[in-house]
Amino acid sequence: AQTEPEMKEEVVGHAEVRAVFKLPKGGKVAGCMVTDGKIVRNAEIRVLRGGEEIWSGRIDSLKRFKDDVREVAAGYECGIKLAGFDDYQEGDVLEAVRQVEVAEAQ
């Protein structure tokens, strides 16, 4: 019988919101510094404020300067726009997580 693979969450990286920018077409972008790991375009993102999760969802766009990028490594700045959230505050932490398959113990 085929069983569903067991999945677990793996934290990929964190970025701290340093500035908030309003977009000309509406919405906001968080200007962030990646503090550890990396932020990956297709990761799930949790917004943490004061250690509490206030939102989770997906990245709408990830940019280095004006360029769309797939990932940004620790020590670099980036602009992050989330899909469905723009209540960023300086000091918020964006945590990138992904689901990984747990290897079945043989």
PDB file of N, CA and C in Angstrom:
ATOM      1  N   ALA A   1       0.851  -1.198   0.000  1.00  0.00           N
ATOM      2  CA  ALA A   1       0.000   0.000   0.000  1.00  0.00           C
ATOM      3  C   ALA A   1       0.882   1.242   0.000  1.00  0.00           C
ATOM      4  N   GLN A   2       0.513   2.192  -0.827  1.00  0.00           N
ATOM      5  CA  GLN A   2       1.269   3.443  -0.929  1.00  0.00           C
ATOM      6  C   GLN A   2       0.814   4.380   0.184  1.00  0.00           C
ATOM      7  N   THR A   3       1.740   4.791   1.026  1.00  0.00           N
ATOM      8  CA  THR A   3       1.372   5.733   2.086  1.00  0.00           C
ATOM      9  C   THR A   3       1.854   7.124   1.697  1.00  0.00           C
ATOM     10  N   GLU A   4       1.137   8.119   2.192  1.00  0.00           N
ATOM     11  CA  GLU A   4       1.540   9.503   1.950  1.00  0.00           C
ATOM     12  C   GLU A   4       2.909   9.722   2.589  1.00  0.00           C
ATOM     13  N   PRO A   5       3.824  10.387   1.884  1.00  0.00           N
ATOM     14  CA  PRO A   5       5.113  10.666   2.533  1.00  0.00           C
ATOM     15  C   PRO A   5       4.890  11.598   3.720  1.00  0.00           C
ATOM     16  N   GLU A   6       5.612  11.337   4.798  1.00  0.00           N
ATOM     17  CA  GLU A   6       5.490  12.205   5.970  1.00  0.00           C
ATOM     18  C   GLU A   6       6.306  13.464   5.700  1.00  0.00           C
ATOM     19  N   MET A   7       5.709  14.615   5.991  1.00  0.00           N
ATOM     20  CA  MET A   7       6.380  15.879   5.724  1.00  0.00           C
ATOM     21  C   MET A   7       6.696  16.571   7.047  1.00  0.00           C
ATOM     22  N   LYS A   8       7.807  17.283   7.063  1.00  0.00           N
ATOM     23  CA  LYS A   8       8.089  18.124   8.226  1.00  0.00           C
ATOM     24  C   LYS A   8       8.560  19.476   7.736  1.00  0.00           C
ATOM     25  N   GLU A   9       8.422  20.466   8.608  1.00  0.00           N
ATOM     26  CA  GLU A   9       8.830  21.821   8.258  1.00  0.00           C
ATOM     27  C   GLU A   9      10.301  22.020   8.534  1.00  0.00           C
ATOM     28  N   GLU A  10      10.947  22.721   7.631  1.00  0.00           N
ATOM     29  CA  GLU A  10      12.350  23.066   7.823  1.00  0.00           C
ATOM     30  C   GLU A  10      12.470  24.577   7.641  1.00  0.00           C
ATOM     31  N   VAL A  11      13.082  25.235   8.624  1.00  0.00           N
ATOM     32  CA  VAL A  11      13.285  26.680   8.507  1.00  0.00           C
ATOM     33  C   VAL A  11      14.465  26.920   7.573  1.00  0.00           C
ATOM     34  N   VAL A  12      14.232  27.723   6.536  1.00  0.00           N
ATOM     35  CA  VAL A  12      15.250  27.974   5.513  1.00  0.00           C
ATOM     36  C   VAL A  12      16.077  29.209   5.868  1.00  0.00           C
ATOM     37  N   GLY A  13      15.426  30.223   6.442  1.00  0.00           N
ATOM     38  CA  GLY A  13      16.149  31.443   6.790  1.00  0.00           C
ATOM     39  C   GLY A  13      15.234  32.494   7.385  1.00  0.00           C
ATOM     40  N   HIS A  14      15.848  33.600   7.800  1.00  0.00           N
ATOM     41  CA  HIS A  14      15.116  34.719   8.396  1.00  0.00           C
ATOM     42  C   HIS A  14      15.570  36.031   7.767  1.00  0.00           C
ATOM     43  N   ALA A  15      14.639  36.961   7.661  1.00  0.00           N
ATOM     44  CA  ALA A  15      14.963  38.316   7.210  1.00  0.00           C
ATOM     45  C   ALA A  15      14.275  39.292   8.150  1.00  0.00           C
ATOM     46  N   GLU A  16      14.983  40.365   8.472  1.00  0.00           N
ATOM     47  CA  GLU A  16      14.418  41.387   9.354  1.00  0.00           C
ATOM     48  C   GLU A  16      13.982  42.584   8.521  1.00  0.00           C
ATOM     49  N   VAL A  17      12.767  43.066   8.798  1.00  0.00           N
ATOM     50  CA  VAL A  17      12.252  44.237   8.081  1.00  0.00           C
ATOM     51  C   VAL A  17      12.974  45.477   8.613  1.00  0.00           C
ATOM     52  N   ARG A  18      13.665  46.192   7.700  1.00  0.00           N
ATOM     53  CA  ARG A  18      14.414  47.391   8.084  1.00  0.00           C
ATOM     54  C   ARG A  18      13.694  48.663   7.656  1.00  0.00           C
ATOM     55  N   ALA A  19      12.877  48.563   6.607  1.00  0.00           N
ATOM     56  CA  ALA A  19      12.164  49.734   6.086  1.00  0.00           C
ATOM     57  C   ALA A  19      10.935  49.248   5.339  1.00  0.00           C
ATOM     58  N   VAL A  20       9.932  50.123   5.237  1.00  0.00           N
ATOM     59  CA  VAL A  20       8.706  49.776   4.509  1.00  0.00           C
ATOM     60  C   VAL A  20       8.511  50.806   3.404  1.00  0.00           C
ATOM     61  N   PHE A  21       8.308  50.329   2.187  1.00  0.00           N
ATOM     62  CA  PHE A  21       8.158  51.214   1.031  1.00  0.00           C
ATOM     63  C   PHE A  21       6.770  51.075   0.442  1.00  0.00           C
ATOM     64  N   LYS A  22       6.145  52.219   0.148  1.00  0.00           N
ATOM     65  CA  LYS A  22       4.844  52.200  -0.543  1.00  0.00           C
ATOM     66  C   LYS A  22       5.099  52.105  -2.035  1.00  0.00           C
ATOM     67  N   LEU A  23       4.320  51.269  -2.711  1.00  0.00           N
ATOM     68  CA  LEU A  23       4.449  51.129  -4.159  1.00  0.00           C
ATOM     69  C   LEU A  23       3.542  52.132  -4.859  1.00  0.00           C
ATOM     70  N   PRO A  24       3.976  52.644  -6.020  1.00  0.00           N
ATOM     71  CA  PRO A  24       3.146  53.609  -6.761  1.00  0.00           C
ATOM     72  C   PRO A  24       1.770  53.040  -7.108  1.00  0.00           C
ATOM     73  N   LYS A  25       1.700  51.733  -7.397  1.00  0.00           N
ATOM     74  CA  LYS A  25       0.421  51.120  -7.787  1.00  0.00           C
ATOM     75  C   LYS A  25      -0.373  50.624  -6.581  1.00  0.00           C
ATOM     76  N   GLY A  26       0.081  50.942  -5.389  1.00  0.00           N
ATOM     77  CA  GLY A  26      -0.597  50.456  -4.188  1.00  0.00           C
ATOM     78  C   GLY A  26       0.129  49.251  -3.621  1.00  0.00           C
ATOM     79  N   GLY A  27      -0.114  48.995  -2.354  1.00  0.00           N
ATOM     80  CA  GLY A  27       0.587  47.906  -1.686  1.00  0.00           C
ATOM     81  C   GLY A  27       1.915  48.398  -1.135  1.00  0.00           C
ATOM     82  N   LYS A  28       2.589  47.533  -0.423  1.00  0.00           N
ATOM     83  CA  LYS A  28       3.850  47.890   0.218  1.00  0.00           C
ATOM     84  C   LYS A  28       4.860  46.770   0.027  1.00  0.00           C
ATOM     85  N   VAL A  29       6.122  47.167   0.109  1.00  0.00           N
ATOM     86  CA  VAL A  29       7.228  46.219   0.040  1.00  0.00           C
ATOM     87  C   VAL A  29       8.038  46.373   1.317  1.00  0.00           C
ATOM     88  N   ALA A  30       8.469  45.245   1.873  1.00  0.00           N
ATOM     89  CA  ALA A  30       9.333  45.275   3.048  1.00  0.00           C
ATOM     90  C   ALA A  30      10.782  45.251   2.581  1.00  0.00           C
ATOM     91  N   GLY A  31      11.536  46.283   2.965  1.00  0.00           N
ATOM     92  CA  GLY A  31      12.976  46.290   2.710  1.00  0.00           C
ATOM     93  C   GLY A  31      13.631  45.519   3.838  1.00  0.00           C
ATOM     94  N   CYS A  32      14.252  44.389   3.498  1.00  0.00           N
ATOM     95  CA  CYS A  32      14.725  43.457   4.523  1.00  0.00           C
ATOM     96  C   CYS A  32      16.220  43.190   4.417  1.00  0.00           C
ATOM     97  N   MET A  33      16.798  42.764   5.547  1.00  0.00           N
ATOM     98  CA  MET A  33      18.159  42.236   5.580  1.00  0.00           C
ATOM     99  C   MET A  33      18.025  40.763   5.949  1.00  0.00           C
ATOM    100  N   VAL A  34      18.579  39.892   5.121  1.00  0.00           N
ATOM    101  CA  VAL A  34      18.538  38.455   5.431  1.00  0.00           C
ATOM    102  C   VAL A  34      19.568  38.214   6.534  1.00  0.00           C
ATOM    103  N   THR A  35      19.096  37.746   7.701  1.00  0.00           N
ATOM    104  CA  THR A  35      19.971  37.634   8.869  1.00  0.00           C
ATOM    105  C   THR A  35      20.615  36.262   8.993  1.00  0.00           C
ATOM    106  N   ASP A  36      19.946  35.219   8.506  1.00  0.00           N
ATOM    107  CA  ASP A  36      20.575  33.895   8.500  1.00  0.00           C
ATOM    108  C   ASP A  36      19.898  33.033   7.443  1.00  0.00           C
ATOM    109  N   GLY A  37      20.620  32.014   7.002  1.00  0.00           N
ATOM    110  CA  GLY A  37      20.078  31.128   5.971  1.00  0.00           C
ATOM    111  C   GLY A  37      19.862  31.891   4.685  1.00  0.00           C
ATOM    112  N   LYS A  38      18.699  31.672   4.067  1.00  0.00           N
ATOM    113  CA  LYS A  38      18.363  32.397   2.842  1.00  0.00           C
ATOM    114  C   LYS A  38      16.858  32.511   2.738  1.00  0.00           C
ATOM    115  N   ILE A  39      16.419  33.482   1.963  1.00  0.00           N
ATOM    116  CA  ILE A  39      15.002  33.642   1.660  1.00  0.00           C
ATOM    117  C   ILE A  39      14.817  33.145   0.236  1.00  0.00           C
ATOM    118  N   VAL A  40      13.927  32.184   0.083  1.00  0.00           N
ATOM    119  CA  VAL A  40      13.711  31.540  -1.212  1.00  0.00           C
ATOM    120  C   VAL A  40      12.332  31.926  -1.721  1.00  0.00           C
ATOM    121  N   ARG A  41      12.266  32.259  -2.998  1.00  0.00           N
ATOM    122  CA  ARG A  41      11.046  32.764  -3.627  1.00  0.00           C
ATOM    123  C   ARG A  41       9.829  31.868  -3.391  1.00  0.00           C
ATOM    124  N   ASN A  42      10.027  30.543  -3.455  1.00  0.00           N
ATOM    125  CA  ASN A  42       8.874  29.639  -3.367  1.00  0.00           C
ATOM    126  C   ASN A  42       8.630  29.106  -1.956  1.00  0.00           C
ATOM    127  N   ALA A  43       9.322  29.662  -0.971  1.00  0.00           N
ATOM    128  CA  ALA A  43       9.125  29.200   0.409  1.00  0.00           C
ATOM    129  C   ALA A  43       7.821  29.763   0.969  1.00  0.00           C
ATOM    130  N   GLU A  44       7.334  29.120   2.020  1.00  0.00           N
ATOM    131  CA  GLU A  44       6.228  29.696   2.785  1.00  0.00           C
ATOM    132  C   GLU A  44       6.857  30.690   3.757  1.00  0.00           C
ATOM    133  N   ILE A  45       6.177  31.800   3.979  1.00  0.00           N
ATOM    134  CA  ILE A  45       6.720  32.846   4.851  1.00  0.00           C
ATOM    135  C   ILE A  45       5.813  33.029   6.061  1.00  0.00           C
ATOM    136  N   ARG A  46       6.453  33.124   7.231  1.00  0.00           N
ATOM    137  CA  ARG A  46       5.721  33.497   8.442  1.00  0.00           C
ATOM    138  C   ARG A  46       6.204  34.875   8.855  1.00  0.00           C
ATOM    139  N   VAL A  47       5.253  35.734   9.206  1.00  0.00           N
ATOM    140  CA  VAL A  47       5.614  37.054   9.724  1.00  0.00           C
ATOM    141  C   VAL A  47       5.572  36.963  11.248  1.00  0.00           C
ATOM    142  N   LEU A  48       6.711  37.246  11.870  1.00  0.00           N
ATOM    143  CA  LEU A  48       6.814  37.194  13.326  1.00  0.00           C
ATOM    144  C   LEU A  48       6.982  38.613  13.857  1.00  0.00           C
ATOM    145  N   ARG A  49       6.168  38.955  14.842  1.00  0.00           N
ATOM    146  CA  ARG A  49       6.266  40.269  15.487  1.00  0.00           C
ATOM    147  C   ARG A  49       6.334  40.026  16.982  1.00  0.00           C
ATOM    148  N   GLY A  50       7.449  40.441  17.580  1.00  0.00           N
ATOM    149  CA  GLY A  50       7.626  40.196  19.014  1.00  0.00           C
ATOM    150  C   GLY A  50       7.606  38.711  19.331  1.00  0.00           C
ATOM    151  N   GLY A  51       8.106  37.896  18.389  1.00  0.00           N
ATOM    152  CA  GLY A  51       8.160  36.452  18.604  1.00  0.00           C
ATOM    153  C   GLY A  51       6.862  35.719  18.312  1.00  0.00           C
ATOM    154  N   GLU A  52       5.783  36.462  18.033  1.00  0.00           N
ATOM    155  CA  GLU A  52       4.478  35.847  17.752  1.00  0.00           C
ATOM    156  C   GLU A  52       4.213  35.825  16.255  1.00  0.00           C
ATOM    157  N   GLU A  53       3.716  34.694  15.760  1.00  0.00           N
ATOM    158  CA  GLU A  53       3.347  34.626  14.345  1.00  0.00           C
ATOM    159  C   GLU A  53       2.052  35.396  14.130  1.00  0.00           C
ATOM    160  N   ILE A  54       2.081  36.381  13.208  1.00  0.00           N
ATOM    161  CA  ILE A  54       0.868  37.163  12.950  1.00  0.00           C
ATOM    162  C   ILE A  54       0.277  36.881  11.575  1.00  0.00           C
ATOM    163  N   TRP A  55       1.047  36.206  10.700  1.00  0.00           N
ATOM    164  CA  TRP A  55       0.548  35.909   9.351  1.00  0.00           C
ATOM    165  C   TRP A  55       1.444  34.851   8.741  1.00  0.00           C
ATOM    166  N   SER A  56       0.873  34.022   7.862  1.00  0.00           N
ATOM    167  CA  SER A  56       1.722  33.137   7.066  1.00  0.00           C
ATOM    168  C   SER A  56       1.134  33.024   5.675  1.00  0.00           C
ATOM    169  N   GLY A  57       2.003  32.861   4.703  1.00  0.00           N
ATOM    170  CA  GLY A  57       1.567  32.781   3.317  1.00  0.00           C
ATOM    171  C   GLY A  57       2.753  32.720   2.381  1.00  0.00           C
ATOM    172  N   ARG A  58       2.567  33.293   1.208  1.00  0.00           N
ATOM    173  CA  ARG A  58       3.564  33.176   0.141  1.00  0.00           C
ATOM    174  C   ARG A  58       4.165  34.519  -0.244  1.00  0.00           C
ATOM    175  N   ILE A  59       5.341  34.439  -0.870  1.00  0.00           N
ATOM    176  CA  ILE A  59       5.996  35.632  -1.419  1.00  0.00           C
ATOM    177  C   ILE A  59       5.379  35.945  -2.772  1.00  0.00           C
ATOM    178  N   ASP A  60       5.010  37.208  -2.969  1.00  0.00           N
ATOM    179  CA  ASP A  60       4.508  37.674  -4.259  1.00  0.00           C
ATOM    180  C   ASP A  60       5.690  38.064  -5.145  1.00  0.00           C
ATOM    181  N   SER A  61       6.647  38.805  -4.580  1.00  0.00           N
ATOM    182  CA  SER A  61       7.865  39.107  -5.341  1.00  0.00           C
ATOM    183  C   SER A  61       9.054  39.251  -4.401  1.00  0.00           C
ATOM    184  N   LEU A  62      10.212  38.856  -4.914  1.00  0.00           N
ATOM    185  CA  LEU A  62      11.472  38.914  -4.176  1.00  0.00           C
ATOM    186  C   LEU A  62      12.467  39.615  -5.089  1.00  0.00           C
ATOM    187  N   LYS A  63      13.011  40.727  -4.626  1.00  0.00           N
ATOM    188  CA  LYS A  63      13.897  41.528  -5.488  1.00  0.00           C
ATOM    189  C   LYS A  63      15.195  41.895  -4.780  1.00  0.00           C
ATOM    190  N   ARG A  64      16.267  41.956  -5.586  1.00  0.00           N
ATOM    191  CA  ARG A  64      17.528  42.577  -5.165  1.00  0.00           C
ATOM    192  C   ARG A  64      17.650  43.808  -6.038  1.00  0.00           C
ATOM    193  N   PHE A  65      17.609  44.983  -5.439  1.00  0.00           N
ATOM    194  CA  PHE A  65      17.518  46.242  -6.193  1.00  0.00           C
ATOM    195  C   PHE A  65      16.290  46.148  -7.094  1.00  0.00           C
ATOM    196  N   LYS A  66      16.439  46.253  -8.400  1.00  0.00           N
ATOM    197  CA  LYS A  66      15.257  46.219  -9.278  1.00  0.00           C
ATOM    198  C   LYS A  66      15.033  44.841  -9.900  1.00  0.00           C
ATOM    199  N   ASP A  67      15.925  43.899  -9.614  1.00  0.00           N
ATOM    200  CA  ASP A  67      15.866  42.599 -10.298  1.00  0.00           C
ATOM    201  C   ASP A  67      15.085  41.565  -9.504  1.00  0.00           C
ATOM    202  N   ASP A  68      14.209  40.828 -10.198  1.00  0.00           N
ATOM    203  CA  ASP A  68      13.544  39.687  -9.577  1.00  0.00           C
ATOM    204  C   ASP A  68      14.577  38.585  -9.390  1.00  0.00           C
ATOM    205  N   VAL A  69      14.601  37.998  -8.208  1.00  0.00           N
ATOM    206  CA  VAL A  69      15.557  36.918  -7.935  1.00  0.00           C
ATOM    207  C   VAL A  69      14.824  35.735  -7.322  1.00  0.00           C
ATOM    208  N   ARG A  70      15.468  34.574  -7.365  1.00  0.00           N
ATOM    209  CA  ARG A  70      14.855  33.365  -6.809  1.00  0.00           C
ATOM    210  C   ARG A  70      15.196  33.179  -5.347  1.00  0.00           C
ATOM    211  N   GLU A  71      16.375  33.665  -4.944  1.00  0.00           N
ATOM    212  CA  GLU A  71      16.736  33.569  -3.528  1.00  0.00           C
ATOM    213  C   GLU A  71      17.728  34.659  -3.167  1.00  0.00           C
ATOM    214  N   VAL A  72      17.762  34.976  -1.870  1.00  0.00           N
ATOM    215  CA  VAL A  72      18.694  35.976  -1.358  1.00  0.00           C
ATOM    216  C   VAL A  72      19.357  35.375  -0.123  1.00  0.00           C
ATOM    217  N   ALA A  73      20.694  35.426  -0.096  1.00  0.00           N
ATOM    218  CA  ALA A  73      21.463  34.797   0.981  1.00  0.00           C
ATOM    219  C   ALA A  73      21.651  35.746   2.164  1.00  0.00           C
ATOM    220  N   ALA A  74      22.068  35.175   3.296  1.00  0.00           N
ATOM    221  CA  ALA A  74      22.324  35.940   4.517  1.00  0.00           C
ATOM    222  C   ALA A  74      23.346  37.038   4.249  1.00  0.00           C
ATOM    223  N   GLY A  75      23.113  38.200   4.847  1.00  0.00           N
ATOM    224  CA  GLY A  75      24.034  39.314   4.708  1.00  0.00           C
ATOM    225  C   GLY A  75      23.662  40.267   3.588  1.00  0.00           C
ATOM    226  N   TYR A  76      22.630  39.927   2.823  1.00  0.00           N
ATOM    227  CA  TYR A  76      22.200  40.775   1.715  1.00  0.00           C
ATOM    228  C   TYR A  76      20.842  41.397   1.997  1.00  0.00           C
ATOM    229  N   GLU A  77      20.623  42.559   1.388  1.00  0.00           N
ATOM    230  CA  GLU A  77      19.328  43.223   1.499  1.00  0.00           C
ATOM    231  C   GLU A  77      18.445  42.799   0.340  1.00  0.00           C
ATOM    232  N   CYS A  78      17.143  42.836   0.563  1.00  0.00           N
ATOM    233  CA  CYS A  78      16.204  42.495  -0.503  1.00  0.00           C
ATOM    234  C   CYS A  78      14.870  43.176  -0.233  1.00  0.00           C
ATOM    235  N   GLY A  79      14.048  43.207  -1.266  1.00  0.00           N
ATOM    236  CA  GLY A  79      12.694  43.721  -1.141  1.00  0.00           C
ATOM    237  C   GLY A  79      11.732  42.555  -1.244  1.00  0.00           C
ATOM    238  N   ILE A  80      10.857  42.425  -0.263  1.00  0.00           N
ATOM    239  CA  ILE A  80       9.912  41.309  -0.237  1.00  0.00           C
ATOM    240  C   ILE A  80       8.495  41.861  -0.243  1.00  0.00           C
ATOM    241  N   LYS A  81       7.709  41.376  -1.189  1.00  0.00           N
ATOM    242  CA  LYS A  81       6.280  41.697  -1.218  1.00  0.00           C
ATOM    243  C   LYS A  81       5.543  40.386  -1.011  1.00  0.00           C
ATOM    244  N   LEU A  82       4.706  40.352   0.020  1.00  0.00           N
ATOM    245  CA  LEU A  82       3.961  39.130   0.324  1.00  0.00           C
ATOM    246  C   LEU A  82       2.604  39.166  -0.358  1.00  0.00           C
ATOM    247  N   ALA A  83       2.070  37.995  -0.663  1.00  0.00           N
ATOM    248  CA  ALA A  83       0.763  37.881  -1.311  1.00  0.00           C
ATOM    249  C   ALA A  83      -0.320  37.963  -0.241  1.00  0.00           C
ATOM    250  N   GLY A  84      -0.965  39.136  -0.134  1.00  0.00           N
ATOM    251  CA  GLY A  84      -2.079  39.259   0.799  1.00  0.00           C
ATOM    252  C   GLY A  84      -1.737  39.838   2.156  1.00  0.00           C
ATOM    253  N   PHE A  85      -0.539  40.392   2.305  1.00  0.00           N
ATOM    254  CA  PHE A  85      -0.165  41.016   3.582  1.00  0.00           C
ATOM    255  C   PHE A  85       0.698  42.227   3.277  1.00  0.00           C
ATOM    256  N   ASP A  86       0.353  43.392   3.831  1.00  0.00           N
ATOM    257  CA  ASP A  86       1.279  44.519   3.690  1.00  0.00           C
ATOM    258  C   ASP A  86       1.344  45.395   4.938  1.00  0.00           C
ATOM    259  N   ASP A  87       0.974  44.825   6.082  1.00  0.00           N
ATOM    260  CA  ASP A  87       1.035  45.557   7.346  1.00  0.00           C
ATOM    261  C   ASP A  87       2.415  45.380   7.999  1.00  0.00           C
ATOM    262  N   TYR A  88       3.471  45.581   7.193  1.00  0.00           N
ATOM    263  CA  TYR A  88       4.823  45.407   7.721  1.00  0.00           C
ATOM    264  C   TYR A  88       5.151  46.494   8.725  1.00  0.00           C
ATOM    265  N   GLN A  89       5.960  46.136   9.719  1.00  0.00           N
ATOM    266  CA  GLN A  89       6.524  47.128  10.636  1.00  0.00           C
ATOM    267  C   GLN A  89       8.011  46.855  10.746  1.00  0.00           C
ATOM    268  N   GLU A  90       8.787  47.938  10.909  1.00  0.00           N
ATOM    269  CA  GLU A  90      10.222  47.749  11.104  1.00  0.00           C
ATOM    270  C   GLU A  90      10.431  46.864  12.320  1.00  0.00           C
ATOM    271  N   GLY A  91      11.349  45.905  12.190  1.00  0.00           N
ATOM    272  CA  GLY A  91      11.612  44.981  13.290  1.00  0.00           C
ATOM    273  C   GLY A  91      10.880  43.662  13.154  1.00  0.00           C
ATOM    274  N   ASP A  92       9.873  43.594  12.260  1.00  0.00           N
ATOM    275  CA  ASP A  92       9.224  42.301  12.002  1.00  0.00           C
ATOM    276  C   ASP A  92      10.269  41.334  11.449  1.00  0.00           C
ATOM    277  N   VAL A  93      10.091  40.056  11.741  1.00  0.00           N
ATOM    278  CA  VAL A  93      10.976  39.029  11.196  1.00  0.00           C
ATOM    279  C   VAL A  93      10.163  38.161  10.241  1.00  0.00           C
ATOM    280  N   LEU A  94      10.694  37.968   9.038  1.00  0.00           N
ATOM    281  CA  LEU A  94      10.066  37.078   8.065  1.00  0.00           C
ATOM    282  C   LEU A  94      10.846  35.773   8.103  1.00  0.00           C
ATOM    283  N   GLU A  95      10.129  34.691   8.408  1.00  0.00           N
ATOM    284  CA  GLU A  95      10.752  33.375   8.522  1.00  0.00           C
ATOM    285  C   GLU A  95      10.339  32.541   7.319  1.00  0.00           C
ATOM    286  N   ALA A  96      11.324  32.051   6.575  1.00  0.00           N
ATOM    287  CA  ALA A  96      11.043  31.220   5.398  1.00  0.00           C
ATOM    288  C   ALA A  96      11.104  29.755   5.806  1.00  0.00           C
ATOM    289  N   VAL A  97      10.035  29.017   5.483  1.00  0.00           N
ATOM    290  CA  VAL A  97      10.001  27.587   5.797  1.00  0.00           C
ATOM    291  C   VAL A  97       9.609  26.806   4.551  1.00  0.00           C
ATOM    292  N   ARG A  98      10.035  25.557   4.507  1.00  0.00           N
ATOM    293  CA  ARG A  98       9.599  24.685   3.413  1.00  0.00           C
ATOM    294  C   ARG A  98       9.260  23.326   3.998  1.00  0.00           C
ATOM    295  N   GLN A  99       8.420  22.614   3.281  1.00  0.00           N
ATOM    296  CA  GLN A  99       8.031  21.271   3.693  1.00  0.00           C
ATOM    297  C   GLN A  99       9.015  20.291   3.068  1.00  0.00           C
ATOM    298  N   VAL A 100       9.619  19.437   3.881  1.00  0.00           N
ATOM    299  CA  VAL A 100      10.532  18.424   3.354  1.00  0.00           C
ATOM    300  C   VAL A 100      10.005  17.047   3.728  1.00  0.00           C
ATOM    301  N   GLU A 101      10.275  16.110   2.847  1.00  0.00           N
ATOM    302  CA  GLU A 101       9.812  14.747   3.067  1.00  0.00           C
ATOM    303  C   GLU A 101      10.711  14.094   4.108  1.00  0.00           C
ATOM    304  N   VAL A 102      10.096  13.458   5.094  1.00  0.00           N
ATOM    305  CA  VAL A 102      10.856  12.730   6.100  1.00  0.00           C
ATOM    306  C   VAL A 102      11.181  11.369   5.497  1.00  0.00           C
ATOM    307  N   ALA A 103      12.464  11.040   5.438  1.00  0.00           N
ATOM    308  CA  ALA A 103      12.853   9.736   4.889  1.00  0.00           C
ATOM    309  C   ALA A 103      12.329   8.656   5.832  1.00  0.00           C
ATOM    310  N   GLU A 104      11.601   7.701   5.258  1.00  0.00           N
ATOM    311  CA  GLU A 104      11.060   6.599   6.068  1.00  0.00           C
ATOM    312  C   GLU A 104      12.218   5.809   6.673  1.00  0.00           C
ATOM    313  N   ALA A 105      12.131   5.532   7.970  1.00  0.00           N
ATOM    314  CA  ALA A 105      13.150   4.692   8.609  1.00  0.00           C
ATOM    315  C   ALA A 105      12.964   3.264   8.099  1.00  0.00           C
ATOM    316  N   GLN A 106      14.008   2.709   7.549  1.00  0.00           N
ATOM    317  CA  GLN A 106      13.900   1.340   6.980  1.00  0.00           C
ATOM    318  C   GLN A 106      14.218   0.304   8.045  1.00  0.00           C
TER     319      GLN A 106
END
